[in-house]
């Protein structure tokens, strides 16, 4: 996040050894700031696990969206089964639905307005003045924190699984059986995922970037790397746009540390 990329040799991508770990910077997209994590949409969250042969017939949607749908949000494009009575277990992994014939017919859920509206790129206009830019940055930062706090609360009620080898996420009690894991030594597992309980950062990756203390100042220096902090990309771009730094990020952004002006001064730091 800045006028030019940092000089740190931390690249591990293709042909990184030829560049000696240096990054090759280009313009970023929204998906680079908000990393899209998708999951299979389940019509019945308590139904049978998705088989490998079904991996292309079941739609994939953002994992946060799937979590909200299972929690009760109505989205007409992605219907889901709603149970109004607790299930009746007849075995460890077997159950039957309770009789709901004595209940009144469910009222069809019709939202007053669409919950999901995508802003076309052609209509995305940059702020025209500093006041509007700061206001937009504060609103974006508040929405980011609200989404993370809400998702964390939902994860305490609805189980979210993540693969221990790759970033694959599944919203449900048991992970799917699709053999599409391409992580290290996936051949030994026949492409199967190693499912375990997920944390918030698996569902919403923060995508940490280096904090630039002064956008108009000198660029980051490789020799002073230990003095620079980091922050999620969304937080960094909002702070550079004028939003106040949240308290939980002040320590990671190292706002309480003075950055030396030279290498000689850095060597004198105790």
Protein backbone atom coordinates (compact mmCIF):
# COMPACT_ATOMS: atom_id res chain seq x y z
CA UNK A 1 0.00 0.00 0.00
CA UNK A 2 2.01 2.93 -1.25
CA UNK A 3 3.49 4.71 -4.27
CA UNK A 4 6.01 1.90 -4.77
CA UNK A 5 6.50 -1.66 -3.55
CA UNK A 6 8.73 -2.54 -0.63
CA UNK A 7 12.28 -3.83 -1.27
CA UNK A 8 12.12 -6.85 1.05
CA UNK A 9 13.19 -10.19 -0.41
CA UNK A 10 10.20 -12.24 0.70
CA UNK A 11 8.80 -13.53 -2.60
CA UNK A 12 8.29 -17.31 -2.76
CA UNK A 13 6.39 -17.50 -6.05
CA UNK A 14 7.39 -18.81 -9.45
CA UNK A 15 11.00 -18.10 -10.46
CA UNK A 16 11.58 -16.32 -7.14
CA UNK A 17 15.14 -17.66 -6.95
CA UNK A 18 15.99 -15.95 -10.23
CA UNK A 19 14.84 -12.63 -8.74
CA UNK A 20 16.62 -13.41 -5.45
CA UNK A 21 13.33 -13.12 -3.57
CA UNK A 22 12.43 -9.67 -4.86
CA UNK A 23 8.80 -8.99 -5.75
CA UNK A 24 7.67 -7.85 -9.18
CA UNK A 25 5.10 -5.17 -8.44
CA UNK A 26 2.02 -4.37 -10.51
CA UNK A 27 -1.40 -2.80 -9.94
CA UNK A 28 -3.61 -4.68 -7.50
CA UNK A 29 -7.30 -5.58 -7.73
CA UNK A 30 -9.99 -5.76 -5.07
CA UNK A 31 -9.45 -9.53 -4.78
CA UNK A 32 -5.85 -8.86 -3.72
CA UNK A 33 -7.05 -6.78 -0.75
CA UNK A 34 -10.11 -8.86 0.18
CA UNK A 35 -9.00 -12.42 -0.50
CA UNK A 36 -12.01 -14.39 -1.84
CA UNK A 37 -12.57 -17.61 0.13
CA UNK A 38 -15.29 -19.78 -1.39
CA UNK A 39 -17.12 -22.80 -0.02
CA UNK A 40 -19.72 -25.26 -1.26
CA UNK A 41 -23.33 -24.21 -0.71
CA UNK A 42 -25.28 -26.85 1.19
CA UNK A 43 -29.00 -27.22 0.58
CA UNK A 44 -29.19 -29.37 3.72
CA UNK A 45 -26.44 -28.56 6.26
CA UNK A 46 -27.25 -31.80 8.11
CA UNK A 47 -27.39 -33.94 4.97
CA UNK A 48 -24.83 -36.34 3.56
CA UNK A 49 -21.31 -35.18 2.86
CA UNK A 50 -20.50 -33.96 -0.64
CA UNK A 51 -18.92 -36.73 -2.69
CA UNK A 52 -16.03 -36.32 -5.07
CA UNK A 53 -18.31 -36.91 -8.06
CA UNK A 54 -20.57 -34.03 -6.97
CA UNK A 55 -17.86 -31.37 -6.79
CA UNK A 56 -18.87 -29.68 -10.06
CA UNK A 57 -22.66 -29.90 -9.61
CA UNK A 58 -22.81 -28.00 -6.32
CA UNK A 59 -22.38 -24.20 -6.47
CA UNK A 60 -19.56 -22.47 -4.66
CA UNK A 61 -20.19 -19.11 -3.00
CA UNK A 62 -18.20 -16.88 -0.60
CA UNK A 63 -17.68 -18.72 2.67
CA UNK A 64 -18.96 -15.78 4.75
CA UNK A 65 -22.13 -15.74 2.67
CA UNK A 66 -22.65 -19.49 3.20
CA UNK A 67 -22.21 -19.02 6.94
CA UNK A 68 -24.85 -16.29 6.97
CA UNK A 69 -27.26 -18.40 4.88
CA UNK A 70 -26.99 -21.31 7.32
CA UNK A 71 -27.60 -18.84 10.15
CA UNK A 72 -30.94 -17.76 8.64
CA UNK A 73 -30.32 -15.23 5.87
CA UNK A 74 -32.63 -15.75 2.89
CA UNK A 75 -31.07 -15.62 -0.56
CA UNK A 76 -33.40 -16.70 -3.34
CA UNK A 77 -30.57 -17.88 -5.60
CA UNK A 78 -29.29 -20.31 -2.95
CA UNK A 79 -32.20 -22.03 -1.15
CA UNK A 80 -31.56 -24.09 1.95
CA UNK A 81 -33.60 -26.46 4.08
CA UNK A 82 -35.02 -24.95 7.27
CA UNK A 83 -36.08 -27.18 10.15
CA UNK A 84 -38.58 -25.80 12.64
CA UNK A 85 -38.26 -28.70 15.09
CA UNK A 86 -35.17 -30.43 16.50
CA UNK A 87 -34.11 -33.59 14.71
CA UNK A 88 -34.61 -37.07 16.24
CA UNK A 89 -31.40 -39.08 16.48
CA UNK A 90 -31.67 -42.83 15.97
CA UNK A 91 -27.95 -43.51 15.86
CA UNK A 92 -24.53 -41.90 16.10
CA UNK A 93 -24.75 -40.58 12.53
CA UNK A 94 -28.37 -41.30 11.71
CA UNK A 95 -31.36 -39.11 12.37
CA UNK A 96 -34.85 -38.36 11.09
CA UNK A 97 -36.68 -35.08 10.83
CA UNK A 98 -39.38 -34.38 13.37
CA UNK A 99 -43.03 -34.28 12.27
CA UNK A 100 -43.93 -30.68 11.40
CA UNK A 101 -47.48 -31.39 10.19
CA UNK A 102 -48.96 -29.77 13.30
CA UNK A 103 -47.19 -26.50 12.58
CA UNK A 104 -48.72 -23.82 10.34
CA UNK A 105 -47.44 -23.52 6.81
CA UNK A 106 -44.23 -21.48 6.71
CA UNK A 107 -44.54 -17.99 5.35
CA UNK A 108 -42.36 -17.63 2.24
CA UNK A 109 -39.38 -15.42 2.92
CA UNK A 110 -39.35 -12.55 0.46
CA UNK A 111 -36.82 -9.79 1.18
CA UNK A 112 -37.97 -6.23 0.70
CA UNK A 113 -34.82 -5.42 -1.24
CA UNK A 114 -31.88 -7.43 -2.57
CA UNK A 115 -29.31 -8.19 0.10
CA UNK A 116 -26.44 -8.42 -2.36
CA UNK A 117 -25.80 -5.61 -4.81
CA UNK A 118 -22.55 -5.42 -6.71
CA UNK A 119 -21.23 -2.03 -7.72
CA UNK A 120 -19.95 -2.08 -11.31
CA UNK A 121 -16.40 -0.91 -11.79
CA UNK A 122 -17.62 1.80 -14.18
CA UNK A 123 -19.72 3.31 -11.37
CA UNK A 124 -16.93 3.26 -8.78
CA UNK A 125 -15.92 6.91 -8.56
CA UNK A 126 -13.06 8.05 -6.36
CA UNK A 127 -13.75 10.69 -3.67
CA UNK A 128 -13.38 14.26 -4.87
CA UNK A 129 -12.10 15.90 -1.66
CA UNK A 130 -10.30 15.03 1.58
CA UNK A 131 -13.45 15.11 3.71
CA UNK A 132 -15.26 12.65 1.48
CA UNK A 133 -12.19 10.42 1.33
CA UNK A 134 -11.85 10.31 5.12
CA UNK A 135 -15.56 9.57 5.56
CA UNK A 136 -15.37 6.71 3.05
CA UNK A 137 -12.30 5.29 4.80
CA UNK A 138 -14.03 5.34 8.19
CA UNK A 139 -17.16 3.66 6.79
CA UNK A 140 -15.05 0.97 5.11
CA UNK A 141 -13.08 0.28 8.28
CA UNK A 142 -16.27 0.06 10.36
CA UNK A 143 -17.80 -2.37 7.86
CA UNK A 144 -14.64 -4.52 7.97
CA UNK A 145 -14.67 -4.72 11.76
CA UNK A 146 -18.44 -5.36 11.85
CA UNK A 147 -18.11 -8.23 9.37
CA UNK A 148 -15.28 -9.86 11.33
CA UNK A 149 -17.04 -9.52 14.70
CA UNK A 150 -20.30 -10.89 13.30
CA UNK A 151 -18.58 -13.82 11.61
CA UNK A 152 -16.70 -14.65 14.81
CA UNK A 153 -19.98 -14.84 16.75
CA UNK A 154 -21.60 -17.04 14.09
CA UNK A 155 -18.61 -19.40 14.12
CA UNK A 156 -19.37 -20.11 17.78
CA UNK A 157 -22.76 -21.52 16.78
CA UNK A 158 -22.10 -22.96 13.30
CA UNK A 159 -19.07 -25.13 12.71
CA UNK A 160 -16.56 -24.08 10.07
CA UNK A 161 -13.86 -26.46 8.91
CA UNK A 162 -10.56 -25.73 7.18
CA UNK A 163 -8.00 -27.98 5.53
CA UNK A 164 -4.75 -28.30 7.43
CA UNK A 165 -2.79 -28.38 4.18
CA UNK A 166 -4.51 -25.78 1.93
CA UNK A 167 -6.87 -22.79 2.39
CA UNK A 168 -10.02 -24.80 1.50
CA UNK A 169 -12.92 -23.91 3.83
CA UNK A 170 -16.16 -25.80 4.42
CA UNK A 171 -19.12 -24.51 6.41
CA UNK A 172 -20.67 -27.54 8.09
CA UNK A 173 -20.14 -30.25 10.70
CA UNK A 174 -18.00 -32.44 8.43
CA UNK A 175 -15.83 -31.42 5.52
CA UNK A 176 -16.65 -32.50 1.99
CA UNK A 177 -15.08 -35.50 0.28
CA UNK A 178 -13.95 -33.72 -2.88
CA UNK A 179 -10.38 -34.74 -3.62
CA UNK A 180 -9.19 -31.35 -4.83
CA UNK A 181 -6.41 -30.58 -2.37
CA UNK A 182 -3.26 -29.57 -4.22
CA UNK A 183 -1.01 -28.83 -1.26
CA UNK A 184 2.36 -30.41 -0.52
CA UNK A 185 2.35 -34.23 -0.77
CA UNK A 186 -1.31 -34.33 -1.79
CA UNK A 187 -0.57 -37.50 -3.78
CA UNK A 188 -0.09 -39.43 -0.55
CA UNK A 189 -3.59 -38.38 0.56
CA UNK A 190 -5.13 -38.93 -2.90
CA UNK A 191 -6.08 -35.25 -2.92
CA UNK A 192 -8.20 -35.51 0.22
CA UNK A 193 -8.33 -32.62 2.65
CA UNK A 194 -7.26 -32.83 6.27
CA UNK A 195 -10.17 -31.15 8.02
CA UNK A 196 -9.85 -29.35 11.33
CA UNK A 197 -11.64 -26.56 13.17
CA UNK A 198 -11.24 -23.17 11.50
CA UNK A 199 -10.49 -19.82 13.06
CA UNK A 200 -11.65 -16.40 11.94
CA UNK A 201 -8.55 -15.72 9.84
CA UNK A 202 -9.25 -18.87 7.80
CA UNK A 203 -12.72 -17.58 6.93
CA UNK A 204 -11.68 -13.95 6.40
CA UNK A 205 -7.93 -13.77 5.67
CA UNK A 206 -6.56 -10.40 6.85
CA UNK A 207 -3.79 -10.34 4.15
CA UNK A 208 -1.15 -8.45 6.12
CA UNK A 209 0.91 -5.76 4.39
CA UNK A 210 3.75 -3.56 5.59
CA UNK A 211 2.65 -0.33 7.25
CA UNK A 212 3.96 2.78 5.52
CA UNK A 213 4.53 5.46 8.21
CA UNK A 214 4.55 8.33 5.71
CA UNK A 215 3.12 7.88 2.21
CA UNK A 216 4.76 11.10 1.02
CA UNK A 217 8.04 10.33 2.78
CA UNK A 218 10.98 8.15 1.80
CA UNK A 219 10.26 4.54 0.72
CA UNK A 220 10.78 1.61 3.06
CA UNK A 221 14.41 0.56 3.43
CA UNK A 222 15.56 -3.04 3.51
CA UNK A 223 18.02 -2.42 6.35
CA UNK A 224 15.29 -1.03 8.63
CA UNK A 225 12.82 -3.89 8.15
CA UNK A 226 12.70 -4.75 11.87
CA UNK A 227 11.31 -1.31 12.66
CA UNK A 228 8.31 -1.44 10.33
CA UNK A 229 4.98 -2.86 11.45
CA UNK A 230 2.25 -4.69 9.58
CA UNK A 231 -1.53 -4.42 9.31
CA UNK A 232 -4.35 -6.02 7.29
CA UNK A 233 -4.53 -4.55 3.80
CA UNK A 234 -8.02 -3.14 4.42
CA UNK A 235 -6.87 -1.39 7.59
CA UNK A 236 -3.74 0.00 5.95
CA UNK A 237 -5.57 1.49 2.97
CA UNK A 238 -8.21 3.05 5.26
CA UNK A 239 -5.55 4.53 7.55
CA UNK A 240 -3.70 6.01 4.59
CA UNK A 241 -7.02 7.52 3.46
CA UNK A 242 -7.47 9.32 6.78
CA UNK A 243 -9.26 6.90 9.13
CA UNK A 244 -8.18 6.64 12.75
CA UNK A 245 -6.09 3.60 13.65
CA UNK A 246 -8.11 1.09 15.74
CA UNK A 247 -6.58 0.24 19.09
CA UNK A 248 -6.17 -3.46 18.29
CA UNK A 249 -3.85 -2.65 15.36
CA UNK A 250 -1.63 -0.05 17.00
CA UNK A 251 0.77 -2.67 18.33
CA UNK A 252 1.15 -4.56 15.04
CA UNK A 253 1.61 -1.33 13.10
CA UNK A 254 4.30 -0.32 15.64
CA UNK A 255 3.07 3.22 16.04
CA UNK A 256 4.89 3.49 19.37
CA UNK A 257 8.32 2.79 17.84
CA UNK A 258 10.53 5.48 16.41
CA UNK A 259 11.98 4.54 13.02
CA UNK A 260 15.70 5.37 12.66
CA UNK A 261 16.62 7.72 9.87
CA UNK A 262 19.75 5.77 8.89
CA UNK A 263 21.45 2.43 9.31
CA UNK A 264 24.00 3.96 11.67
CA UNK A 265 21.24 5.18 13.95
CA UNK A 266 19.59 1.74 13.82
CA UNK A 267 22.80 0.08 15.03
CA UNK A 268 22.74 2.29 18.11
CA UNK A 269 19.25 1.09 19.13
CA UNK A 270 19.21 -1.13 22.19
